[in-house]
Amino acid sequence: ISRDNAKNTVYLQMNSLKPEDTAVYFCNPMGTWRTPSDYWGQGAQV
């Protein structure tokens, strides 16, 4: 995981992908270190 503050964008580089990685992936501005917020996008299908 990484971020570009100037672009206000977060990235997830995924290598050595496995079939079990198949899912819809969502980013989330978390309320705390442990807890997601209720803000979600449409997700990206992998």
ModelCIF file with pLDDT and N, C-alpha, C, O atoms, coordinates in Angstrom:
data_MODEL
#
_entry.id   MODEL 
#
_entity.id                         1 
_entity.type                       polymer 
_entity.pdbx_number_of_molecules   1 
#
_entity_poly.entity_id                      1 
_entity_poly.type                           'polypeptide(L)' 
_entity_poly.nstd_linkage                   no 
_entity_poly.nstd_monomer                   no 
_entity_poly.pdbx_seq_one_letter_code       ISRDNAKNTVYLQMNSLKPEDTAVYFCNPMGTWRTPSDYWGQGAQV 
_entity_poly.pdbx_seq_one_letter_code_can   ISRDNAKNTVYLQMNSLKPEDTAVYFCNPMGTWRTPSDYWGQGAQV 
_entity_poly.pdbx_strand_id                 A 
#
loop_
_entity_poly_seq.entity_id 
_entity_poly_seq.num 
_entity_poly_seq.mon_id 
_entity_poly_seq.hetero 
1 1  ILE n 
1 2  SER n 
1 3  ARG n 
1 4  ASP n 
1 5  ASN n 
1 6  ALA n 
1 7  LYS n 
1 8  ASN n 
1 9  THR n 
1 10 VAL n 
1 11 TYR n 
1 12 LEU n 
1 13 GLN n 
1 14 MET n 
1 15 ASN n 
1 16 SER n 
1 17 LEU n 
1 18 LYS n 
1 19 PRO n 
1 20 GLU n 
1 21 ASP n 
1 22 THR n 
1 23 ALA n 
1 24 VAL n 
1 25 TYR n 
1 26 PHE n 
1 27 CYS n 
1 28 ASN n 
1 29 PRO n 
1 30 MET n 
1 31 GLY n 
1 32 THR n 
1 33 TRP n 
1 34 ARG n 
1 35 THR n 
1 36 PRO n 
1 37 SER n 
1 38 ASP n 
1 39 TYR n 
1 40 TRP n 
1 41 GLY n 
1 42 GLN n 
1 43 GLY n 
1 44 ALA n 
1 45 GLN n 
1 46 VAL n 
#
_struct_asym.id          A 
_struct_asym.entity_id   1 
#
loop_
_ma_qa_metric.id 
_ma_qa_metric.mode 
_ma_qa_metric.name 
_ma_qa_metric.software_group_id 
_ma_qa_metric.type 
1 global pLDDT . pLDDT 
2 local  pLDDT . pLDDT 
#
_ma_qa_metric_global.metric_id      1 
_ma_qa_metric_global.metric_value   96.67 
_ma_qa_metric_global.model_id       1 
_ma_qa_metric_global.ordinal_id     1 
#
loop_
_ma_qa_metric_local.label_asym_id 
_ma_qa_metric_local.label_comp_id 
_ma_qa_metric_local.label_seq_id 
_ma_qa_metric_local.metric_id 
_ma_qa_metric_local.metric_value 
_ma_qa_metric_local.model_id 
_ma_qa_metric_local.ordinal_id 
A ILE 1  2 98.00 1 1  
A SER 2  2 98.00 1 2  
A ARG 3  2 98.00 1 3  
A ASP 4  2 97.00 1 4  
A ASN 5  2 96.00 1 5  
A ALA 6  2 97.00 1 6  
A LYS 7  2 98.00 1 7  
A ASN 8  2 98.00 1 8  
A THR 9  2 98.00 1 9  
A VAL 10 2 98.00 1 10 
A TYR 11 2 98.00 1 11 
A LEU 12 2 98.00 1 12 
A GLN 13 2 98.00 1 13 
A MET 14 2 98.00 1 14 
A ASN 15 2 98.00 1 15 
A SER 16 2 98.00 1 16 
A LEU 17 2 98.00 1 17 
A LYS 18 2 98.00 1 18 
A PRO 19 2 98.00 1 19 
A GLU 20 2 97.00 1 20 
A ASP 21 2 98.00 1 21 
A THR 22 2 98.00 1 22 
A ALA 23 2 98.00 1 23 
A VAL 24 2 98.00 1 24 
A TYR 25 2 98.00 1 25 
A PHE 26 2 98.00 1 26 
A CYS 27 2 98.00 1 27 
A ASN 28 2 98.00 1 28 
A PRO 29 2 97.00 1 29 
A MET 30 2 96.00 1 30 
A GLY 31 2 89.00 1 31 
A THR 32 2 87.00 1 32 
A TRP 33 2 87.00 1 33 
A ARG 34 2 90.00 1 34 
A THR 35 2 94.00 1 35 
A PRO 36 2 96.00 1 36 
A SER 37 2 96.00 1 37 
A ASP 38 2 96.00 1 38 
A TYR 39 2 97.00 1 39 
A TRP 40 2 97.00 1 40 
A GLY 41 2 97.00 1 41 
A GLN 42 2 97.00 1 42 
A GLY 43 2 98.00 1 43 
A ALA 44 2 98.00 1 44 
A GLN 45 2 98.00 1 45 
A VAL 46 2 98.00 1 46 
#
loop_
_atom_site.group_PDB 
_atom_site.id 
_atom_site.type_symbol 
_atom_site.label_atom_id 
_atom_site.label_alt_id 
_atom_site.label_comp_id 
_atom_site.label_asym_id 
_atom_site.label_entity_id 
_atom_site.label_seq_id 
_atom_site.pdbx_PDB_ins_code 
_atom_site.Cartn_x 
_atom_site.Cartn_y 
_atom_site.Cartn_z 
_atom_site.occupancy 
_atom_site.B_iso_or_equiv 
_atom_site.pdbx_formal_charge 
_atom_site.auth_seq_id 
_atom_site.auth_comp_id 
_atom_site.auth_asym_id 
_atom_site.auth_atom_id 
_atom_site.pdbx_PDB_model_num 
ATOM 1   N N  . ILE A 1 1  ? 0.844   -1.184  0.000   1.00 98.00 ? 1  ILE A N  1 
ATOM 2   C CA . ILE A 1 1  ? 0.000   0.000   0.000   1.00 98.00 ? 1  ILE A CA 1 
ATOM 3   C C  . ILE A 1 1  ? 0.883   1.239   0.000   1.00 98.00 ? 1  ILE A C  1 
ATOM 4   O O  . ILE A 1 1  ? 1.935   1.262   0.640   1.00 98.00 ? 1  ILE A O  1 
ATOM 5   N N  . SER A 1 2  ? 0.453   2.264   -0.717  1.00 98.00 ? 2  SER A N  1 
ATOM 6   C CA . SER A 1 2  ? 1.183   3.516   -0.756  1.00 98.00 ? 2  SER A CA 1 
ATOM 7   C C  . SER A 1 2  ? 0.206   4.648   -1.027  1.00 98.00 ? 2  SER A C  1 
ATOM 8   O O  . SER A 1 2  ? -0.962  4.409   -1.333  1.00 98.00 ? 2  SER A O  1 
ATOM 9   N N  . ARG A 1 3  ? 0.680   5.862   -0.915  1.00 98.00 ? 3  ARG A N  1 
ATOM 10  C CA . ARG A 1 3  ? -0.165  7.011   -1.212  1.00 98.00 ? 3  ARG A CA 1 
ATOM 11  C C  . ARG A 1 3  ? 0.654   8.100   -1.872  1.00 98.00 ? 3  ARG A C  1 
ATOM 12  O O  . ARG A 1 3  ? 1.871   8.175   -1.705  1.00 98.00 ? 3  ARG A O  1 
ATOM 13  N N  . ASP A 1 4  ? -0.034  8.942   -2.625  1.00 97.00 ? 4  ASP A N  1 
ATOM 14  C CA . ASP A 1 4  ? 0.544   10.125  -3.230  1.00 97.00 ? 4  ASP A CA 1 
ATOM 15  C C  . ASP A 1 4  ? -0.255  11.300  -2.688  1.00 97.00 ? 4  ASP A C  1 
ATOM 16  O O  . ASP A 1 4  ? -1.376  11.551  -3.131  1.00 97.00 ? 4  ASP A O  1 
ATOM 17  N N  . ASN A 1 5  ? 0.314   12.014  -1.737  1.00 96.00 ? 5  ASN A N  1 
ATOM 18  C CA . ASN A 1 5  ? -0.419  13.095  -1.088  1.00 96.00 ? 5  ASN A CA 1 
ATOM 19  C C  . ASN A 1 5  ? -0.788  14.207  -2.066  1.00 96.00 ? 5  ASN A C  1 
ATOM 20  O O  . ASN A 1 5  ? -1.868  14.788  -1.962  1.00 96.00 ? 5  ASN A O  1 
ATOM 21  N N  . ALA A 1 6  ? 0.091   14.503  -3.005  1.00 97.00 ? 6  ALA A N  1 
ATOM 22  C CA . ALA A 1 6  ? -0.180  15.564  -3.962  1.00 97.00 ? 6  ALA A CA 1 
ATOM 23  C C  . ALA A 1 6  ? -1.381  15.236  -4.831  1.00 97.00 ? 6  ALA A C  1 
ATOM 24  O O  . ALA A 1 6  ? -2.143  16.128  -5.204  1.00 97.00 ? 6  ALA A O  1 
ATOM 25  N N  . LYS A 1 7  ? -1.555  13.966  -5.155  1.00 98.00 ? 7  LYS A N  1 
ATOM 26  C CA . LYS A 1 7  ? -2.688  13.535  -5.967  1.00 98.00 ? 7  LYS A CA 1 
ATOM 27  C C  . LYS A 1 7  ? -3.878  13.100  -5.128  1.00 98.00 ? 7  LYS A C  1 
ATOM 28  O O  . LYS A 1 7  ? -4.942  12.799  -5.669  1.00 98.00 ? 7  LYS A O  1 
ATOM 29  N N  . ASN A 1 8  ? -3.708  13.063  -3.807  1.00 98.00 ? 8  ASN A N  1 
ATOM 30  C CA . ASN A 1 8  ? -4.748  12.581  -2.895  1.00 98.00 ? 8  ASN A CA 1 
ATOM 31  C C  . ASN A 1 8  ? -5.263  11.216  -3.346  1.00 98.00 ? 8  ASN A C  1 
ATOM 32  O O  . ASN A 1 8  ? -6.468  10.983  -3.439  1.00 98.00 ? 8  ASN A O  1 
ATOM 33  N N  . THR A 1 9  ? -4.328  10.337  -3.619  1.00 98.00 ? 9  THR A N  1 
ATOM 34  C CA . THR A 1 9  ? -4.628  9.026   -4.165  1.00 98.00 ? 9  THR A CA 1 
ATOM 35  C C  . THR A 1 9  ? -3.876  7.957   -3.385  1.00 98.00 ? 9  THR A C  1 
ATOM 36  O O  . THR A 1 9  ? -2.726  8.149   -2.991  1.00 98.00 ? 9  THR A O  1 
ATOM 37  N N  . VAL A 1 10 ? -4.540  6.836   -3.170  1.00 98.00 ? 10 VAL A N  1 
ATOM 38  C CA . VAL A 1 10 ? -3.955  5.686   -2.486  1.00 98.00 ? 10 VAL A CA 1 
ATOM 39  C C  . VAL A 1 10 ? -3.868  4.534   -3.475  1.00 98.00 ? 10 VAL A C  1 
ATOM 40  O O  . VAL A 1 10 ? -4.743  4.368   -4.325  1.00 98.00 ? 10 VAL A O  1 
ATOM 41  N N  . TYR A 1 11 ? -2.814  3.742   -3.362  1.00 98.00 ? 11 TYR A N  1 
ATOM 42  C CA . TYR A 1 11 ? -2.565  2.660   -4.295  1.00 98.00 ? 11 TYR A CA 1 
ATOM 43  C C  . TYR A 1 11 ? -2.420  1.336   -3.563  1.00 98.00 ? 11 TYR A C  1 
ATOM 44  O O  . TYR A 1 11 ? -2.061  1.286   -2.386  1.00 98.00 ? 11 TYR A O  1 
ATOM 45  N N  . LEU A 1 12 ? -2.706  0.281   -4.284  1.00 98.00 ? 12 LEU A N  1 
ATOM 46  C CA . LEU A 1 12 ? -2.430  -1.061  -3.798  1.00 98.00 ? 12 LEU A CA 1 
ATOM 47  C C  . LEU A 1 12 ? -1.758  -1.837  -4.920  1.00 98.00 ? 12 LEU A C  1 
ATOM 48  O O  . LEU A 1 12 ? -2.400  -2.205  -5.905  1.00 98.00 ? 12 LEU A O  1 
ATOM 49  N N  . GLN A 1 13 ? -0.472  -2.082  -4.766  1.00 98.00 ? 13 GLN A N  1 
ATOM 50  C CA . GLN A 1 13 ? 0.266   -2.897  -5.713  1.00 98.00 ? 13 GLN A CA 1 
ATOM 51  C C  . GLN A 1 13 ? 0.118   -4.357  -5.306  1.00 98.00 ? 13 GLN A C  1 
ATOM 52  O O  . GLN A 1 13 ? 0.465   -4.731  -4.186  1.00 98.00 ? 13 GLN A O  1 
ATOM 53  N N  . MET A 1 14 ? -0.388  -5.168  -6.201  1.00 98.00 ? 14 MET A N  1 
ATOM 54  C CA . MET A 1 14 ? -0.656  -6.565  -5.925  1.00 98.00 ? 14 MET A CA 1 
ATOM 55  C C  . MET A 1 14 ? 0.210   -7.422  -6.842  1.00 98.00 ? 14 MET A C  1 
ATOM 56  O O  . MET A 1 14 ? 0.064   -7.381  -8.064  1.00 98.00 ? 14 MET A O  1 
ATOM 57  N N  . ASN A 1 15 ? 1.101   -8.189  -6.252  1.00 98.00 ? 15 ASN A N  1 
ATOM 58  C CA . ASN A 1 15 ? 1.990   -9.068  -6.987  1.00 98.00 ? 15 ASN A CA 1 
ATOM 59  C C  . ASN A 1 15 ? 1.718   -10.518 -6.613  1.00 98.00 ? 15 ASN A C  1 
ATOM 60  O O  . ASN A 1 15 ? 1.082   -10.805 -5.599  1.00 98.00 ? 15 ASN A O  1 
ATOM 61  N N  . SER A 1 16 ? 2.207   -11.419 -7.442  1.00 98.00 ? 16 SER A N  1 
ATOM 62  C CA . SER A 1 16 ? 2.071   -12.859 -7.196  1.00 98.00 ? 16 SER A CA 1 
ATOM 63  C C  . SER A 1 16 ? 0.636   -13.225 -6.867  1.00 98.00 ? 16 SER A C  1 
ATOM 64  O O  . SER A 1 16 ? 0.370   -13.925 -5.890  1.00 98.00 ? 16 SER A O  1 
ATOM 65  N N  . LEU A 1 17 ? -0.273  -12.754 -7.679  1.00 98.00 ? 17 LEU A N  1 
ATOM 66  C CA . LEU A 1 17 ? -1.694  -12.934 -7.394  1.00 98.00 ? 17 LEU A CA 1 
ATOM 67  C C  . LEU A 1 17 ? -2.098  -14.398 -7.451  1.00 98.00 ? 17 LEU A C  1 
ATOM 68  O O  . LEU A 1 17 ? -1.596  -15.176 -8.262  1.00 98.00 ? 17 LEU A O  1 
ATOM 69  N N  . LYS A 1 18 ? -3.014  -14.742 -6.572  1.00 98.00 ? 18 LYS A N  1 
ATOM 70  C CA . LYS A 1 18 ? -3.535  -16.086 -6.443  1.00 98.00 ? 18 LYS A CA 1 
ATOM 71  C C  . LYS A 1 18 ? -5.032  -16.082 -6.706  1.00 98.00 ? 18 LYS A C  1 
ATOM 72  O O  . LYS A 1 18 ? -5.679  -15.048 -6.545  1.00 98.00 ? 18 LYS A O  1 
ATOM 73  N N  . PRO A 1 19 ? -5.597  -17.217 -7.108  1.00 98.00 ? 19 PRO A N  1 
ATOM 74  C CA . PRO A 1 19 ? -7.047  -17.256 -7.308  1.00 98.00 ? 19 PRO A CA 1 
ATOM 75  C C  . PRO A 1 19 ? -7.834  -16.803 -6.086  1.00 98.00 ? 19 PRO A C  1 
ATOM 76  O O  . PRO A 1 19 ? -8.898  -16.202 -6.235  1.00 98.00 ? 19 PRO A O  1 
ATOM 77  N N  . GLU A 1 20 ? -7.345  -17.072 -4.894  1.00 97.00 ? 20 GLU A N  1 
ATOM 78  C CA . GLU A 1 20 ? -8.050  -16.674 -3.691  1.00 97.00 ? 20 GLU A CA 1 
ATOM 79  C C  . GLU A 1 20 ? -8.030  -15.169 -3.445  1.00 97.00 ? 20 GLU A C  1 
ATOM 80  O O  . GLU A 1 20 ? -8.700  -14.686 -2.532  1.00 97.00 ? 20 GLU A O  1 
ATOM 81  N N  . ASP A 1 21 ? -7.270  -14.420 -4.245  1.00 98.00 ? 21 ASP A N  1 
ATOM 82  C CA . ASP A 1 21 ? -7.313  -12.966 -4.183  1.00 98.00 ? 21 ASP A CA 1 
ATOM 83  C C  . ASP A 1 21 ? -8.504  -12.392 -4.942  1.00 98.00 ? 21 ASP A C  1 
ATOM 84  O O  . ASP A 1 21 ? -8.756  -11.189 -4.875  1.00 98.00 ? 21 ASP A O  1 
ATOM 85  N N  . THR A 1 22 ? -9.229  -13.227 -5.653  1.00 98.00 ? 22 THR A N  1 
ATOM 86  C CA . THR A 1 22 ? -10.387 -12.769 -6.405  1.00 98.00 ? 22 THR A CA 1 
ATOM 87  C C  . THR A 1 22 ? -11.424 -12.165 -5.463  1.00 98.00 ? 22 THR A C  1 
ATOM 88  O O  . THR A 1 22 ? -11.875 -12.822 -4.525  1.00 98.00 ? 22 THR A O  1 
ATOM 89  N N  . ALA A 1 23 ? -11.798 -10.923 -5.714  1.00 98.00 ? 23 ALA A N  1 
ATOM 90  C CA . ALA A 1 23 ? -12.726 -10.205 -4.842  1.00 98.00 ? 23 ALA A CA 1 
ATOM 91  C C  . ALA A 1 23 ? -12.981 -8.828  -5.430  1.00 98.00 ? 23 ALA A C  1 
ATOM 92  O O  . ALA A 1 23 ? -12.340 -8.417  -6.397  1.00 98.00 ? 23 ALA A O  1 
ATOM 93  N N  . VAL A 1 24 ? -13.925 -8.128  -4.828  1.00 98.00 ? 24 VAL A N  1 
ATOM 94  C CA . VAL A 1 24 ? -14.084 -6.707  -5.079  1.00 98.00 ? 24 VAL A CA 1 
ATOM 95  C C  . VAL A 1 24 ? -13.281 -5.966  -4.026  1.00 98.00 ? 24 VAL A C  1 
ATOM 96  O O  . VAL A 1 24 ? -13.428 -6.224  -2.831  1.00 98.00 ? 24 VAL A O  1 
ATOM 97  N N  . TYR A 1 25 ? -12.443 -5.055  -4.460  1.00 98.00 ? 25 TYR A N  1 
ATOM 98  C CA . TYR A 1 25 ? -11.550 -4.321  -3.571  1.00 98.00 ? 25 TYR A CA 1 
ATOM 99  C C  . TYR A 1 25 ? -12.052 -2.904  -3.371  1.00 98.00 ? 25 TYR A C  1 
ATOM 100 O O  . TYR A 1 25 ? -12.410 -2.222  -4.330  1.00 98.00 ? 25 TYR A O  1 
ATOM 101 N N  . PHE A 1 26 ? -12.077 -2.468  -2.130  1.00 98.00 ? 26 PHE A N  1 
ATOM 102 C CA . PHE A 1 26 ? -12.569 -1.155  -1.749  1.00 98.00 ? 26 PHE A CA 1 
ATOM 103 C C  . PHE A 1 26 ? -11.507 -0.403  -0.959  1.00 98.00 ? 26 PHE A C  1 
ATOM 104 O O  . PHE A 1 26 ? -10.795 -1.001  -0.153  1.00 98.00 ? 26 PHE A O  1 
ATOM 105 N N  . CYS A 1 27 ? -11.397 0.889   -1.180  1.00 98.00 ? 27 CYS A N  1 
ATOM 106 C CA . CYS A 1 27 ? -10.600 1.726   -0.298  1.00 98.00 ? 27 CYS A CA 1 
ATOM 107 C C  . CYS A 1 27 ? -11.518 2.426   0.694   1.00 98.00 ? 27 CYS A C  1 
ATOM 108 O O  . CYS A 1 27 ? -12.713 2.589   0.450   1.00 98.00 ? 27 CYS A O  1 
ATOM 109 N N  . ASN A 1 28 ? -10.941 2.836   1.812   1.00 98.00 ? 28 ASN A N  1 
ATOM 110 C CA . ASN A 1 28 ? -11.751 3.396   2.878   1.00 98.00 ? 28 ASN A CA 1 
ATOM 111 C C  . ASN A 1 28 ? -10.924 4.337   3.756   1.00 98.00 ? 28 ASN A C  1 
ATOM 112 O O  . ASN A 1 28 ? -9.851  3.960   4.228   1.00 98.00 ? 28 ASN A O  1 
ATOM 113 N N  . PRO A 1 29 ? -11.419 5.562   3.978   1.00 97.00 ? 29 PRO A N  1 
ATOM 114 C CA . PRO A 1 29 ? -10.789 6.432   4.971   1.00 97.00 ? 29 PRO A CA 1 
ATOM 115 C C  . PRO A 1 29 ? -11.245 5.988   6.352   1.00 97.00 ? 29 PRO A C  1 
ATOM 116 O O  . PRO A 1 29 ? -12.405 6.174   6.719   1.00 97.00 ? 29 PRO A O  1 
ATOM 117 N N  . MET A 1 30 ? -10.341 5.407   7.107   1.00 96.00 ? 30 MET A N  1 
ATOM 118 C CA . MET A 1 30 ? -10.735 4.735   8.324   1.00 96.00 ? 30 MET A CA 1 
ATOM 119 C C  . MET A 1 30 ? -10.956 5.725   9.467   1.00 96.00 ? 30 MET A C  1 
ATOM 120 O O  . MET A 1 30 ? -10.272 6.743   9.572   1.00 96.00 ? 30 MET A O  1 
ATOM 121 N N  . GLY A 1 31 ? -11.924 5.400   10.314  1.00 89.00 ? 31 GLY A N  1 
ATOM 122 C CA . GLY A 1 31 ? -12.202 6.248   11.460  1.00 89.00 ? 31 GLY A CA 1 
ATOM 123 C C  . GLY A 1 31 ? -11.113 6.194   12.503  1.00 89.00 ? 31 GLY A C  1 
ATOM 124 O O  . GLY A 1 31 ? -10.826 7.193   13.161  1.00 89.00 ? 31 GLY A O  1 
ATOM 125 N N  . THR A 1 32 ? -10.502 5.032   12.658  1.00 87.00 ? 32 THR A N  1 
ATOM 126 C CA . THR A 1 32 ? -9.366  4.811   13.540  1.00 87.00 ? 32 THR A CA 1 
ATOM 127 C C  . THR A 1 32 ? -8.415  3.855   12.844  1.00 87.00 ? 32 THR A C  1 
ATOM 128 O O  . THR A 1 32 ? -8.671  3.414   11.723  1.00 87.00 ? 32 THR A O  1 
ATOM 129 N N  . TRP A 1 33 ? -7.325  3.539   13.508  1.00 87.00 ? 33 TRP A N  1 
ATOM 130 C CA . TRP A 1 33 ? -6.385  2.572   12.967  1.00 87.00 ? 33 TRP A CA 1 
ATOM 131 C C  . TRP A 1 33 ? -7.047  1.223   12.751  1.00 87.00 ? 33 TRP A C  1 
ATOM 132 O O  . TRP A 1 33 ? -6.646  0.470   11.864  1.00 87.00 ? 33 TRP A O  1 
ATOM 133 N N  . ARG A 1 34 ? -8.072  0.905   13.565  1.00 90.00 ? 34 ARG A N  1 
ATOM 134 C CA . ARG A 1 34 ? -8.700  -0.410  13.519  1.00 90.00 ? 34 ARG A CA 1 
ATOM 135 C C  . ARG A 1 34 ? -10.086 -0.433  12.869  1.00 90.00 ? 34 ARG A C  1 
ATOM 136 O O  . ARG A 1 34 ? -10.575 -1.505  12.513  1.00 90.00 ? 34 ARG A O  1 
ATOM 137 N N  . THR A 1 35 ? -10.710 0.699   12.711  1.00 94.00 ? 35 THR A N  1 
ATOM 138 C CA . THR A 1 35 ? -12.123 0.738   12.363  1.00 94.00 ? 35 THR A CA 1 
ATOM 139 C C  . THR A 1 35 ? -12.370 1.498   11.068  1.00 94.00 ? 35 THR A C  1 
ATOM 140 O O  . THR A 1 35 ? -11.963 2.655   10.955  1.00 94.00 ? 35 THR A O  1 
ATOM 141 N N  . PRO A 1 36 ? -13.025 0.882   10.088  1.00 96.00 ? 36 PRO A N  1 
ATOM 142 C CA . PRO A 1 36 ? -13.356 1.623   8.872   1.00 96.00 ? 36 PRO A CA 1 
ATOM 143 C C  . PRO A 1 36 ? -14.455 2.639   9.118   1.00 96.00 ? 36 PRO A C  1 
ATOM 144 O O  . PRO A 1 36 ? -15.241 2.515   10.057  1.00 96.00 ? 36 PRO A O  1 
ATOM 145 N N  . SER A 1 37 ? -14.495 3.642   8.262   1.00 96.00 ? 37 SER A N  1 
ATOM 146 C CA . SER A 1 37 ? -15.600 4.573   8.265   1.00 96.00 ? 37 SER A CA 1 
ATOM 147 C C  . SER A 1 37 ? -16.727 4.010   7.412   1.00 96.00 ? 37 SER A C  1 
ATOM 148 O O  . SER A 1 37 ? -16.617 2.912   6.866   1.00 96.00 ? 37 SER A O  1 
ATOM 149 N N  . ASP A 1 38 ? -17.801 4.764   7.303   1.00 96.00 ? 38 ASP A N  1 
ATOM 150 C CA . ASP A 1 38 ? -18.932 4.351   6.480   1.00 96.00 ? 38 ASP A CA 1 
ATOM 151 C C  . ASP A 1 38 ? -18.853 4.888   5.058   1.00 96.00 ? 38 ASP A C  1 
ATOM 152 O O  . ASP A 1 38 ? -19.834 4.835   4.316   1.00 96.00 ? 38 ASP A O  1 
ATOM 153 N N  . TYR A 1 39 ? -17.704 5.399   4.681   1.00 97.00 ? 39 TYR A N  1 
ATOM 154 C CA . TYR A 1 39 ? -17.510 5.897   3.326   1.00 97.00 ? 39 TYR A CA 1 
ATOM 155 C C  . TYR A 1 39 ? -16.906 4.802   2.457   1.00 97.00 ? 39 TYR A C  1 
ATOM 156 O O  . TYR A 1 39 ? -15.820 4.296   2.739   1.00 97.00 ? 39 TYR A O  1 
ATOM 157 N N  . TRP A 1 40 ? -17.619 4.447   1.402   1.00 97.00 ? 40 TRP A N  1 
ATOM 158 C CA . TRP A 1 40 ? -17.175 3.411   0.476   1.00 97.00 ? 40 TRP A CA 1 
ATOM 159 C C  . TRP A 1 40 ? -17.424 3.845   -0.955  1.00 97.00 ? 40 TRP A C  1 
ATOM 160 O O  . TRP A 1 40 ? -18.393 4.551   -1.236  1.00 97.00 ? 40 TRP A O  1 
ATOM 161 N N  . GLY A 1 41 ? -16.564 3.429   -1.847  1.00 97.00 ? 41 GLY A N  1 
ATOM 162 C CA . GLY A 1 41 ? -16.766 3.663   -3.263  1.00 97.00 ? 41 GLY A CA 1 
ATOM 163 C C  . GLY A 1 41 ? -17.434 2.479   -3.917  1.00 97.00 ? 41 GLY A C  1 
ATOM 164 O O  . GLY A 1 41 ? -18.024 1.632   -3.247  1.00 97.00 ? 41 GLY A O  1 
ATOM 165 N N  . GLN A 1 42 ? -17.338 2.427   -5.227  1.00 97.00 ? 42 GLN A N  1 
ATOM 166 C CA . GLN A 1 42 ? -17.986 1.349   -5.978  1.00 97.00 ? 42 GLN A CA 1 
ATOM 167 C C  . GLN A 1 42 ? -17.179 0.061   -5.973  1.00 97.00 ? 42 GLN A C  1 
ATOM 168 O O  . GLN A 1 42 ? -17.719 -1.004  -6.270  1.00 97.00 ? 42 GLN A O  1 
ATOM 169 N N  . GLY A 1 43 ? -15.910 0.139   -5.645  1.00 98.00 ? 43 GLY A N  1 
ATOM 170 C CA . GLY A 1 43 ? -15.036 -1.014  -5.630  1.00 98.00 ? 43 GLY A CA 1 
ATOM 171 C C  . GLY A 1 43 ? -14.445 -1.317  -6.990  1.00 98.00 ? 43 GLY A C  1 
ATOM 172 O O  . GLY A 1 43 ? -14.939 -0.864  -8.023  1.00 98.00 ? 43 GLY A O  1 
ATOM 173 N N  . ALA A 1 44 ? -13.382 -2.090  -6.966  1.00 98.00 ? 44 ALA A N  1 
ATOM 174 C CA . ALA A 1 44 ? -12.718 -2.548  -8.182  1.00 98.00 ? 44 ALA A CA 1 
ATOM 175 C C  . ALA A 1 44 ? -12.698 -4.067  -8.187  1.00 98.00 ? 44 ALA A C  1 
ATOM 176 O O  . ALA A 1 44 ? -12.221 -4.695  -7.241  1.00 98.00 ? 44 ALA A O  1 
ATOM 177 N N  . GLN A 1 45 ? -13.213 -4.646  -9.245  1.00 98.00 ? 45 GLN A N  1 
ATOM 178 C CA . GLN A 1 45 ? -13.257 -6.098  -9.358  1.00 98.00 ? 45 GLN A CA 1 
ATOM 179 C C  . GLN A 1 45 ? -11.904 -6.641  -9.779  1.00 98.00 ? 45 GLN A C  1 
ATOM 180 O O  . GLN A 1 45 ? -11.326 -6.197  -10.771 1.00 98.00 ? 45 GLN A O  1 
ATOM 181 N N  . VAL A 1 46 ? -11.407 -7.598  -9.020  1.00 98.00 ? 46 VAL A N  1 
ATOM 182 C CA . VAL A 1 46 ? -10.172 -8.303  -9.340  1.00 98.00 ? 46 VAL A CA 1 
ATOM 183 C C  . VAL A 1 46 ? -10.503 -9.777  -9.486  1.00 98.00 ? 46 VAL A C  1 
ATOM 184 O O  . VAL A 1 46 ? -9.614  -10.585 -9.758  1.00 98.00 ? 46 VAL A O  1 
#
